[in-house]
N, C-alpha and C. Protein backbone atom coordinates (compact mmCIF):
# COMPACT_ATOMS: atom_id res chain seq x y z
N MET A 1 72.90 109.45 142.64
CA MET A 1 72.27 109.50 143.93
C MET A 1 72.22 107.92 144.69
N ARG A 2 72.14 108.09 145.86
CA ARG A 2 72.31 106.80 146.44
C ARG A 2 71.32 105.91 146.38
N GLY A 3 71.57 104.63 146.40
CA GLY A 3 70.44 103.67 146.10
C GLY A 3 69.87 103.40 144.88
N GLN A 4 70.25 104.14 143.82
CA GLN A 4 69.89 103.90 142.36
C GLN A 4 71.08 103.00 141.75
N THR A 5 70.54 102.32 140.70
CA THR A 5 71.57 101.52 139.93
C THR A 5 71.41 102.03 138.54
N THR A 6 72.42 101.71 137.57
CA THR A 6 72.43 102.11 136.32
C THR A 6 71.92 100.72 135.54
N GLY A 7 71.44 100.92 134.30
CA GLY A 7 70.83 99.86 133.68
C GLY A 7 71.79 98.65 133.56
N ASP A 8 73.10 98.91 133.56
CA ASP A 8 73.98 97.94 133.40
C ASP A 8 74.34 96.98 134.59
N CYS A 9 74.25 97.94 135.74
CA CYS A 9 74.50 97.24 137.25
C CYS A 9 73.06 96.37 137.33
N LEU A 10 71.91 96.71 136.92
CA LEU A 10 70.73 96.01 136.98
C LEU A 10 70.66 94.66 136.18
N CYS A 11 71.19 94.80 135.20
CA CYS A 11 71.34 93.61 134.23
C CYS A 11 72.11 92.74 134.76
N ARG A 12 73.45 93.06 135.40
CA ARG A 12 74.13 92.05 136.17
C ARG A 12 73.66 91.57 137.26
N ARG A 13 72.87 92.30 138.02
CA ARG A 13 72.19 91.53 139.09
C ARG A 13 71.07 90.79 138.72
N THR A 14 70.14 91.16 137.63
CA THR A 14 69.19 90.30 137.30
C THR A 14 69.41 89.09 136.39
N PHE A 15 70.43 89.19 135.84
CA PHE A 15 70.95 87.92 135.19
C PHE A 15 72.47 87.68 135.38
N PRO A 16 72.83 87.05 136.66
CA PRO A 16 74.06 86.89 136.97
C PRO A 16 74.77 85.98 136.03
N ASP A 17 74.19 84.94 135.47
CA ASP A 17 74.74 83.84 134.69
C ASP A 17 74.78 84.05 133.42
N GLN A 18 74.22 85.33 132.86
CA GLN A 18 74.34 85.86 131.35
C GLN A 18 75.94 86.26 131.07
N GLU A 19 76.47 85.73 129.92
CA GLU A 19 77.86 86.11 129.75
C GLU A 19 77.74 87.50 129.36
N ASP A 20 79.04 88.24 129.22
CA ASP A 20 79.40 89.46 129.02
C ASP A 20 78.92 89.75 127.71
N PRO A 21 78.17 90.94 127.39
CA PRO A 21 77.79 91.25 126.05
C PRO A 21 78.82 91.44 125.24
N GLY A 22 80.00 92.03 125.54
CA GLY A 22 81.25 92.25 124.69
C GLY A 22 81.81 90.93 124.28
N ALA A 23 81.60 89.77 124.93
CA ALA A 23 82.30 88.56 124.80
C ALA A 23 81.54 87.92 123.47
N ARG A 24 80.41 88.33 123.34
CA ARG A 24 79.59 87.68 122.13
C ARG A 24 79.97 88.49 120.61
N ALA A 25 80.70 89.28 120.58
CA ALA A 25 81.20 89.90 119.37
C ALA A 25 82.13 89.26 118.77
N ASP A 26 82.33 89.20 117.50
CA ASP A 26 83.35 88.39 117.07
C ASP A 26 84.89 88.52 117.44
N PRO A 27 85.74 87.59 117.65
CA PRO A 27 86.97 88.04 118.23
C PRO A 27 87.80 88.85 117.16
N PRO A 28 88.66 89.63 117.46
CA PRO A 28 89.46 90.52 116.55
C PRO A 28 90.08 89.77 115.55
N GLN A 29 90.23 90.27 114.29
CA GLN A 29 90.88 89.50 113.26
C GLN A 29 92.09 90.24 113.02
N PRO A 30 93.48 89.66 112.65
CA PRO A 30 94.34 90.45 111.91
C PRO A 30 93.87 91.05 110.70
N MET A 31 94.53 92.35 110.56
CA MET A 31 94.27 93.02 109.19
C MET A 31 95.63 93.23 108.60
N ARG A 32 95.64 92.87 107.28
CA ARG A 32 96.81 92.94 106.46
C ARG A 32 96.80 94.37 105.88
N GLN A 33 97.99 95.04 105.84
CA GLN A 33 98.00 96.29 105.03
C GLN A 33 99.06 95.90 103.96
N TRP A 34 98.65 96.40 102.75
CA TRP A 34 99.62 96.25 101.66
C TRP A 34 100.13 97.61 101.10
N VAL A 35 101.55 97.73 100.88
CA VAL A 35 101.97 99.02 100.42
C VAL A 35 102.62 98.83 99.22
N LEU A 36 102.51 99.52 98.26
CA LEU A 36 102.96 99.28 96.99
C LEU A 36 103.71 100.60 96.60
N SER A 37 105.14 100.31 96.19
CA SER A 37 105.80 101.58 95.87
C SER A 37 106.42 101.20 94.73
N PHE A 38 106.47 102.34 93.72
CA PHE A 38 107.26 102.26 92.28
C PHE A 38 108.38 103.36 92.15
N PRO A 39 109.08 102.96 91.16
CA PRO A 39 110.33 103.91 91.04
C PRO A 39 110.03 105.08 90.65
N PHE A 40 110.69 106.04 90.74
CA PHE A 40 110.38 107.44 90.49
C PHE A 40 110.03 107.59 89.04
N LEU A 41 110.79 106.97 88.10
CA LEU A 41 110.21 107.02 86.61
C LEU A 41 108.80 106.55 86.55
N LEU A 42 108.43 105.49 87.05
CA LEU A 42 107.05 105.02 86.93
C LEU A 42 106.21 106.04 87.59
N ARG A 43 106.52 106.81 88.84
CA ARG A 43 105.73 107.72 89.37
C ARG A 43 105.61 108.85 88.50
N PHE A 44 106.45 109.34 87.79
CA PHE A 44 106.32 110.29 86.86
C PHE A 44 105.38 110.12 85.85
N LEU A 45 105.43 108.92 85.45
CA LEU A 45 104.46 108.38 84.27
C LEU A 45 103.15 108.41 84.96
N PHE A 46 102.77 107.98 86.02
CA PHE A 46 101.48 107.91 86.74
C PHE A 46 100.76 109.21 86.87
N ALA A 47 101.85 110.15 87.28
CA ALA A 47 101.33 111.60 87.56
C ALA A 47 101.07 112.07 86.45
N SER A 48 101.65 111.90 85.11
CA SER A 48 101.13 112.64 84.02
C SER A 48 100.15 111.81 83.26
N LYS A 49 99.96 110.89 83.60
CA LYS A 49 98.97 109.83 82.79
C LYS A 49 98.21 109.25 83.64
N PRO A 50 97.10 109.71 84.28
CA PRO A 50 96.20 109.05 85.46
C PRO A 50 95.50 107.89 84.95
N ALA A 51 95.34 107.82 83.54
CA ALA A 51 94.67 106.50 83.12
C ALA A 51 95.47 105.08 83.27
N VAL A 52 96.81 105.41 83.19
CA VAL A 52 97.78 104.62 83.15
C VAL A 52 97.73 103.78 84.74
N MET A 53 98.00 104.80 85.71
CA MET A 53 97.82 104.80 87.00
C MET A 53 96.71 103.71 87.60
N GLY A 54 95.49 104.24 86.96
CA GLY A 54 94.31 103.47 87.29
C GLY A 54 94.20 101.88 86.87
N LYS A 55 94.74 101.68 85.40
CA LYS A 55 94.89 100.51 85.15
C LYS A 55 95.90 99.70 85.86
N VAL A 56 96.95 100.12 86.35
CA VAL A 56 97.87 99.53 87.04
C VAL A 56 97.44 99.13 88.51
N LEU A 57 96.55 100.05 89.13
CA LEU A 57 96.02 99.84 90.26
C LEU A 57 94.91 98.76 90.27
N GLY A 58 94.34 98.79 89.28
CA GLY A 58 93.43 97.77 89.01
C GLY A 58 93.75 96.33 88.87
N ILE A 59 94.89 96.14 88.21
CA ILE A 59 95.85 94.98 88.10
C ILE A 59 96.31 94.62 89.50
N VAL A 60 96.87 95.31 90.27
CA VAL A 60 97.35 95.05 91.84
C VAL A 60 96.15 94.64 92.46
N TYR A 61 95.01 95.63 92.70
CA TYR A 61 93.71 95.01 93.34
C TYR A 61 93.24 93.67 92.94
N ARG A 62 93.09 93.18 91.72
CA ARG A 62 92.75 92.30 91.38
C ARG A 62 93.57 90.87 91.82
N THR A 63 95.04 91.24 91.67
CA THR A 63 95.80 90.22 92.14
C THR A 63 95.96 89.96 93.57
N ILE A 64 95.67 91.13 94.45
CA ILE A 64 95.81 90.92 96.10
C ILE A 64 94.45 90.27 96.39
N ALA A 65 93.22 90.74 95.52
CA ALA A 65 91.82 90.25 95.95
C ALA A 65 91.86 88.61 95.62
N THR A 66 92.38 88.24 94.41
CA THR A 66 92.37 86.74 94.03
C THR A 66 93.28 85.91 95.12
N HIS A 67 94.45 86.50 95.63
CA HIS A 67 95.28 85.96 96.60
C HIS A 67 94.59 85.90 97.99
N LEU A 68 93.94 86.73 98.34
CA LEU A 68 93.08 86.69 99.56
C LEU A 68 91.99 85.64 99.46
N ALA A 69 91.30 85.64 98.31
CA ALA A 69 90.08 84.63 98.26
C ALA A 69 90.58 83.25 98.09
N HIS A 70 91.75 83.17 97.49
CA HIS A 70 92.17 81.74 97.44
C HIS A 70 92.71 81.07 98.86
N LYS A 71 93.29 82.24 99.54
CA LYS A 71 93.84 82.00 100.95
C LYS A 71 92.83 81.52 101.98
N GLY A 72 91.63 82.28 101.80
CA GLY A 72 90.42 81.95 102.34
C GLY A 72 89.64 80.64 101.97
N GLY A 73 90.02 80.17 100.80
CA GLY A 73 89.34 78.99 100.39
C GLY A 73 88.04 79.18 99.58
N PHE A 74 87.84 80.39 99.14
CA PHE A 74 86.84 80.79 98.08
C PHE A 74 87.37 80.83 96.65
N ALA A 75 86.30 80.74 95.74
CA ALA A 75 86.58 80.93 94.47
C ALA A 75 86.26 82.38 94.34
N LYS A 76 87.07 83.17 93.48
CA LYS A 76 87.17 84.50 93.21
C LYS A 76 85.87 85.09 93.14
N PRO A 77 84.87 84.57 92.35
CA PRO A 77 83.46 85.18 92.01
C PRO A 77 82.60 85.11 93.50
N MET A 78 82.99 84.02 94.48
CA MET A 78 81.89 83.93 95.61
C MET A 78 82.82 85.11 96.61
N ALA A 79 83.89 85.42 96.60
CA ALA A 79 84.65 86.19 97.64
C ALA A 79 84.08 87.72 97.38
N GLN A 80 84.08 88.36 98.45
CA GLN A 80 83.78 89.90 98.52
C GLN A 80 85.00 90.35 99.27
N THR A 81 85.92 91.29 98.38
CA THR A 81 86.94 91.95 99.14
C THR A 81 86.88 93.32 98.73
N GLY A 82 87.68 94.13 99.65
CA GLY A 82 87.42 95.63 99.40
C GLY A 82 88.72 96.21 99.65
N ALA A 83 88.97 97.49 99.31
CA ALA A 83 90.23 98.21 99.37
C ALA A 83 90.07 99.77 99.78
N VAL A 84 90.92 100.36 100.36
CA VAL A 84 90.96 101.78 100.28
C VAL A 84 92.31 101.97 99.64
N THR A 85 92.42 103.03 98.75
CA THR A 85 93.53 103.41 97.99
C THR A 85 93.80 104.89 98.20
N LEU A 86 95.01 105.11 98.74
CA LEU A 86 95.36 106.66 98.93
C LEU A 86 96.87 106.91 98.16
N ILE A 87 96.68 107.95 97.42
CA ILE A 87 97.71 107.95 96.33
C ILE A 87 98.44 109.28 96.70
């Protein structure tokens, strides 16, 4: 309809010196993706013994998490890291 404004337009008119709400969010940070590949013989071992694969993935996760914590300047117990694993 003519003569009506949306809430967004009204805010801009009411508070012209206020910064853009999108500018207040944290700036985008680069995200590192790690891909781990194994030879076929180890893949067959992991397929037949999932417990072994779980232990290997635990070692790999701890290694990468420790590396990232040290790179960020944190002690490992203070850092909080996360991972998504697709097999």
